[in-house]
C-alpha atoms as a PDB file:
ATOM      1  CA  MET A   1      54.598-105.041  -4.288  1.00  0.00           C
ATOM      2  CA  GLU A   2      51.272-106.585  -3.306  1.00  0.00           C
ATOM      3  CA  THR A   3      52.764-107.699   0.039  1.00  0.00           C
ATOM      4  CA  GLU A   4      53.816-104.127   0.849  1.00  0.00           C
ATOM      5  CA  ASN A   5      50.291-102.817   0.142  1.00  0.00           C
ATOM      6  CA  THR A   6      48.769-105.606   2.227  1.00  0.00           C
ATOM      7  CA  THR A   7      51.119-104.793   5.112  1.00  0.00           C
ATOM      8  CA  THR A   8      50.307-101.086   4.890  1.00  0.00           C
ATOM      9  CA  THR A   9      46.577-101.836   4.867  1.00  0.00           C
ATOM     10  CA  LEU A  10      46.947-104.161   7.860  1.00  0.00           C
ATOM     11  CA  VAL A  11      48.950-101.564   9.808  1.00  0.00           C
ATOM     12  CA  GLU A  12      46.300 -98.923   9.021  1.00  0.00           C
ATOM     13  CA  ALA A  13      43.505-101.273  10.104  1.00  0.00           C
ATOM     14  CA  ILE A  14      45.261-102.018  13.400  1.00  0.00           C
ATOM     15  CA  GLU A  15      45.781 -98.300  14.047  1.00  0.00           C
ATOM     16  CA  GLU A  16      42.096 -97.639  13.330  1.00  0.00           C
ATOM     17  CA  LEU A  17      41.113-100.332  15.849  1.00  0.00           C
ATOM     18  CA  ARG A  18      43.488 -98.798  18.403  1.00  0.00           C
ATOM     19  CA  ASN A  19      41.888 -95.390  17.885  1.00  0.00           C
ATOM     20  CA  HIS A  20      38.415 -96.858  18.293  1.00  0.00           C
ATOM     21  CA  GLU A  21      39.504 -98.357  21.611  1.00  0.00           C
ATOM     22  CA  ARG A  22      41.173 -95.099  22.718  1.00  0.00           C
ATOM     23  CA  ILE A  23      37.906 -93.267  22.011  1.00  0.00           C
ATOM     24  CA  ARG A  24      35.910 -95.850  23.990  1.00  0.00           C
ATOM     25  CA  GLN A  25      38.355 -95.449  26.877  1.00  0.00           C
ATOM     26  CA  LEU A  26      37.964 -91.652  26.782  1.00  0.00           C
ATOM     27  CA  LEU A  27      34.163 -91.905  26.960  1.00  0.00           C
ATOM     28  CA  ALA A  28      34.317 -94.504  29.757  1.00  0.00           C
ATOM     29  CA  THR A  29      36.814 -92.350  31.681  1.00  0.00           C
ATOM     30  CA  TYR A  30      34.440 -89.381  31.424  1.00  0.00           C
ATOM     31  CA  CYS A  31      31.658 -91.491  32.989  1.00  0.00           C
ATOM     32  CA  ARG A  32      33.891 -92.871  35.742  1.00  0.00           C
ATOM     33  CA  CYS A  33      35.052 -89.371  36.623  1.00  0.00           C
ATOM     34  CA  LEU A  34      31.443 -88.119  36.785  1.00  0.00           C
ATOM     35  CA  ASP A  35      30.454 -90.950  39.128  1.00  0.00           C
ATOM     36  CA  GLU A  36      33.440 -90.212  41.372  1.00  0.00           C
ATOM     37  CA  TYR A  37      32.866 -86.416  41.229  1.00  0.00           C
ATOM     38  CA  ASP A  38      36.405 -86.080  39.845  1.00  0.00           C
ATOM     39  CA  ILE A  39      35.875 -82.741  38.105  1.00  0.00           C
ATOM     40  CA  ALA A  40      39.538 -82.394  37.103  1.00  0.00           C
ATOM     41  CA  GLY A  41      39.291 -85.818  35.442  1.00  0.00           C
ATOM     42  CA  VAL A  42      36.100 -84.796  33.643  1.00  0.00           C
ATOM     43  CA  ALA A  43      37.764 -81.582  32.424  1.00  0.00           C
ATOM     44  CA  ALA A  44      40.753 -83.546  31.111  1.00  0.00           C
ATOM     45  CA  CYS A  45      38.392 -85.306  28.656  1.00  0.00           C
ATOM     46  CA  PHE A  46      37.749 -82.014  26.814  1.00  0.00           C
ATOM     47  CA  SER A  47      39.953 -79.900  24.546  1.00  0.00           C
ATOM     48  CA  ASN A  48      40.806 -76.379  25.752  1.00  0.00           C
ATOM     49  CA  ASN A  49      38.288 -74.703  23.410  1.00  0.00           C
ATOM     50  CA  ALA A  50      35.596 -77.376  23.595  1.00  0.00           C
ATOM     51  CA  VAL A  51      31.890 -76.566  23.477  1.00  0.00           C
ATOM     52  CA  ALA A  52      29.366 -78.611  25.453  1.00  0.00           C
ATOM     53  CA  ASP A  53      25.581 -78.271  25.284  1.00  0.00           C
ATOM     54  CA  TYR A  54      23.714 -80.318  27.892  1.00  0.00           C
ATOM     55  CA  GLY A  55      20.401 -78.581  27.101  1.00  0.00           C
ATOM     56  CA  ALA A  56      18.892 -75.251  28.105  1.00  0.00           C
ATOM     57  CA  GLY A  57      17.759 -76.591  31.472  1.00  0.00           C
ATOM     58  CA  ARG A  58      21.258 -77.837  32.285  1.00  0.00           C
ATOM     59  CA  GLY A  59      23.046 -74.581  31.470  1.00  0.00           C
ATOM     60  CA  GLY A  60      22.918 -74.516  27.659  1.00  0.00           C
ATOM     61  CA  ALA A  61      26.038 -74.308  25.519  1.00  0.00           C
ATOM     62  CA  VAL A  62      29.262 -73.629  27.415  1.00  0.00           C
ATOM     63  CA  LYS A  63      32.651 -72.924  25.794  1.00  0.00           C
ATOM     64  CA  GLY A  64      36.080 -73.747  27.178  1.00  0.00           C
ATOM     65  CA  ARG A  65      37.370 -76.639  29.269  1.00  0.00           C
ATOM     66  CA  ASP A  66      37.322 -74.668  32.537  1.00  0.00           C
ATOM     67  CA  ASN A  67      33.788 -73.373  31.960  1.00  0.00           C
ATOM     68  CA  ILE A  68      32.571 -76.861  31.088  1.00  0.00           C
ATOM     69  CA  ALA A  69      34.169 -78.220  34.263  1.00  0.00           C
ATOM     70  CA  ALA A  70      32.525 -75.497  36.364  1.00  0.00           C
ATOM     71  CA  ARG A  71      29.118 -76.191  34.796  1.00  0.00           C
ATOM     72  CA  ILE A  72      29.456 -79.926  35.386  1.00  0.00           C
ATOM     73  CA  ALA A  73      30.649 -79.383  38.969  1.00  0.00           C
ATOM     74  CA  SER A  74      27.638 -77.211  39.801  1.00  0.00           C
ATOM     75  CA  GLY A  75      25.225 -79.689  38.196  1.00  0.00           C
ATOM     76  CA  GLN A  76      26.767 -82.767  39.798  1.00  0.00           C
ATOM     77  CA  LYS A  77      27.201 -81.440  43.343  1.00  0.00           C
ATOM     78  CA  VAL A  78      23.464 -81.851  44.071  1.00  0.00           C
ATOM     79  CA  PHE A  79      23.759 -85.638  43.774  1.00  0.00           C
ATOM     80  CA  ARG A  80      24.745 -88.033  46.544  1.00  0.00           C
ATOM     81  CA  ARG A  81      25.479 -90.762  44.003  1.00  0.00           C
ATOM     82  CA  THR A  82      25.375 -91.215  40.228  1.00  0.00           C
ATOM     83  CA  HIS A  83      25.813 -94.052  37.770  1.00  0.00           C
ATOM     84  CA  HIS A  84      26.571 -93.423  34.092  1.00  0.00           C
ATOM     85  CA  GLN A  85      26.273 -96.611  32.002  1.00  0.00           C
ATOM     86  CA  ILE A  86      27.444 -96.504  28.395  1.00  0.00           C
ATOM     87  CA  GLY A  87      25.692 -98.620  25.773  1.00  0.00           C
ATOM     88  CA  GLN A  88      26.543 -98.729  22.093  1.00  0.00           C
ATOM     89  CA  ILE A  89      29.060 -96.269  20.704  1.00  0.00           C
ATOM     90  CA  LEU A  90      28.991 -95.387  17.020  1.00  0.00           C
ATOM     91  CA  ILE A  91      32.367 -94.084  15.836  1.00  0.00           C
ATOM     92  CA  ASP A  92      33.070 -92.367  12.530  1.00  0.00           C
ATOM     93  CA  LEU A  93      36.850 -91.989  12.448  1.00  0.00           C
ATOM     94  CA  ARG A  94      38.336 -89.464  10.011  1.00  0.00           C
ATOM     95  CA  GLY A  95      42.071 -89.247  10.544  1.00  0.00           C
ATOM     96  CA  SER A  96      42.761 -87.056  13.578  1.00  0.00           C
ATOM     97  CA  LYS A  97      39.052 -86.257  14.018  1.00  0.00           C
ATOM     98  CA  ALA A  98      36.058 -88.420  14.869  1.00  0.00           C
ATOM     99  CA  ASN A  99      32.315 -88.145  15.292  1.00  0.00           C
ATOM    100  CA  THR A 100      30.633 -90.356  17.862  1.00  0.00           C
ATOM    101  CA  THR A 101      27.150 -91.087  19.128  1.00  0.00           C
ATOM    102  CA  THR A 102      27.181 -92.680  22.569  1.00  0.00           C
ATOM    103  CA  TYR A 103      24.036 -94.109  24.131  1.00  0.00           C
ATOM    104  CA  GLN A 104      23.852 -93.833  27.890  1.00  0.00           C
ATOM    105  CA  ILE A 105      21.582 -94.570  30.827  1.00  0.00           C
ATOM    106  CA  THR A 106      22.228 -92.303  33.788  1.00  0.00           C
ATOM    107  CA  TRP A 107      20.896 -92.726  37.317  1.00  0.00           C
ATOM    108  CA  HIS A 108      21.135 -90.024  39.988  1.00  0.00           C
ATOM    109  CA  GLU A 109      20.305 -89.957  43.674  1.00  0.00           C
ATOM    110  CA  LEU A 110      19.812 -86.497  45.137  1.00  0.00           C
ATOM    111  CA  ARG A 111      20.916 -85.774  48.700  1.00  0.00           C
ATOM    112  CA  ASP A 112      17.304 -86.115  49.918  1.00  0.00           C
ATOM    113  CA  GLY A 113      17.073 -89.653  48.467  1.00  0.00           C
ATOM    114  CA  THR A 114      15.036 -88.707  45.379  1.00  0.00           C
ATOM    115  CA  GLN A 115      16.128 -90.699  42.341  1.00  0.00           C
ATOM    116  CA  GLU A 116      16.226 -89.669  38.684  1.00  0.00           C
ATOM    117  CA  LEU A 117      16.794 -91.653  35.508  1.00  0.00           C
ATOM    118  CA  VAL A 118      17.680 -90.328  32.071  1.00  0.00           C
ATOM    119  CA  CYS A 119      18.466 -92.046  28.773  1.00  0.00           C
ATOM    120  CA  LEU A 120      20.805 -89.865  26.755  1.00  0.00           C
ATOM    121  CA  ARG A 121      22.882 -89.680  23.633  1.00  0.00           C
ATOM    122  CA  TYR A 122      26.213 -87.883  23.608  1.00  0.00           C
ATOM    123  CA  ILE A 123      26.698 -86.511  20.097  1.00  0.00           C
ATOM    124  CA  ASP A 124      30.414 -85.734  20.084  1.00  0.00           C
ATOM    125  CA  GLN A 125      33.124 -84.412  17.846  1.00  0.00           C
ATOM    126  CA  LEU A 126      36.567 -85.511  18.973  1.00  0.00           C
ATOM    127  CA  GLU A 127      40.070 -84.539  17.973  1.00  0.00           C
ATOM    128  CA  MET A 128      43.499 -86.024  18.469  1.00  0.00           C
ATOM    129  CA  ALA A 129      45.517 -83.592  20.590  1.00  0.00           C
ATOM    130  CA  ASP A 130      48.456 -83.903  22.957  1.00  0.00           C
ATOM    131  CA  GLY A 131      48.848 -87.574  22.037  1.00  0.00           C
ATOM    132  CA  GLY A 132      45.274 -88.573  22.863  1.00  0.00           C
ATOM    133  CA  TRP A 133      41.636 -88.125  21.939  1.00  0.00           C
ATOM    134  CA  LEU A 134      39.662 -85.239  23.440  1.00  0.00           C
ATOM    135  CA  ILE A 135      36.046 -84.101  23.135  1.00  0.00           C
ATOM    136  CA  SER A 136      35.926 -80.857  21.145  1.00  0.00           C
ATOM    137  CA  HIS A 137      32.147 -80.518  20.834  1.00  0.00           C
ATOM    138  CA  ARG A 138      29.351 -82.266  22.728  1.00  0.00           C
ATOM    139  CA  ARG A 139      25.586 -82.078  22.393  1.00  0.00           C
ATOM    140  CA  VAL A 140      23.502 -84.111  24.815  1.00  0.00           C
ATOM    141  CA  GLU A 141      20.107 -85.312  23.638  1.00  0.00           C
ATOM    142  CA  ALA A 142      17.535 -87.020  25.861  1.00  0.00           C
ATOM    143  CA  SER A 143      15.092 -89.759  24.899  1.00  0.00           C
ATOM    144  CA  LEU A 144      13.715 -90.541  28.389  1.00  0.00           C
ATOM    145  CA  VAL A 145      13.681 -88.439  31.545  1.00  0.00           C
ATOM    146  CA  ASN A 146      12.265 -89.479  34.927  1.00  0.00           C
ATOM    147  CA  GLY A 147      12.841 -86.613  37.360  1.00  0.00           C
ATOM    148  CA  PHE A 148      14.444 -83.262  36.622  1.00  0.00           C
ATOM    149  CA  GLU A 149      11.009 -81.615  36.885  1.00  0.00           C
ATOM    150  CA  GLY A 150      10.818 -78.393  34.856  1.00  0.00           C
ATOM    151  CA  THR A 151      14.203 -78.932  33.153  1.00  0.00           C
ATOM    152  CA  GLU A 152      14.432 -78.201  29.420  1.00  0.00           C
ATOM    153  CA  TRP A 153      16.293 -80.796  27.353  1.00  0.00           C
ATOM    154  CA  ASN A 154      17.623 -81.244  23.847  1.00  0.00           C
ATOM    155  CA  TRP A 155      15.405 -84.122  22.720  1.00  0.00           C
ATOM    156  CA  VAL A 156      16.350 -86.892  20.298  1.00  0.00           C
ATOM    157  CA  LYS A 157      14.608 -86.082  17.033  1.00  0.00           C
ATOM    158  CA  ARG A 158      12.389 -88.816  15.584  1.00  0.00           C
ATOM    159  CA  LEU A 159      11.042 -89.024  12.082  1.00  0.00           C
ATOM    160  CA  THR A 160       7.268 -88.848  11.801  1.00  0.00           C
ATOM    161  CA  PRO A 161       5.719 -92.122  10.544  1.00  0.00           C
END
């Protein structure tokens, strides 16, 4: 009987590792699609009823995959080039749902050559749907912003020493 339990535990552990990797792939795909201005690819990373909040200065909370795609398209079209680099990803897997915090450094070049740099966190809720992981809720928080003059952000909250 102990062998059966060990096998079950091993199978569950392997499936958890697979889901962690699938989530990492989803987040990396989102970034690749942004950098390529592949708005359909970006939209495919979100569930149909997803909510995304990139901050008041970037359009505030938007609901629905199509609305999120439209908001991202309008925000991204001003850039000649972008680079979204993912750092550490914290994943809290709970069956068919997950919470993630993804650290990211994002560089933009506007069409006039002006460059901007932001350090962000994607605070996401994900769900398993249609055989894959999708973002169901996203809140973007900034910790560093160079550029984007006059733009309001959701800022990373820090404890007071």
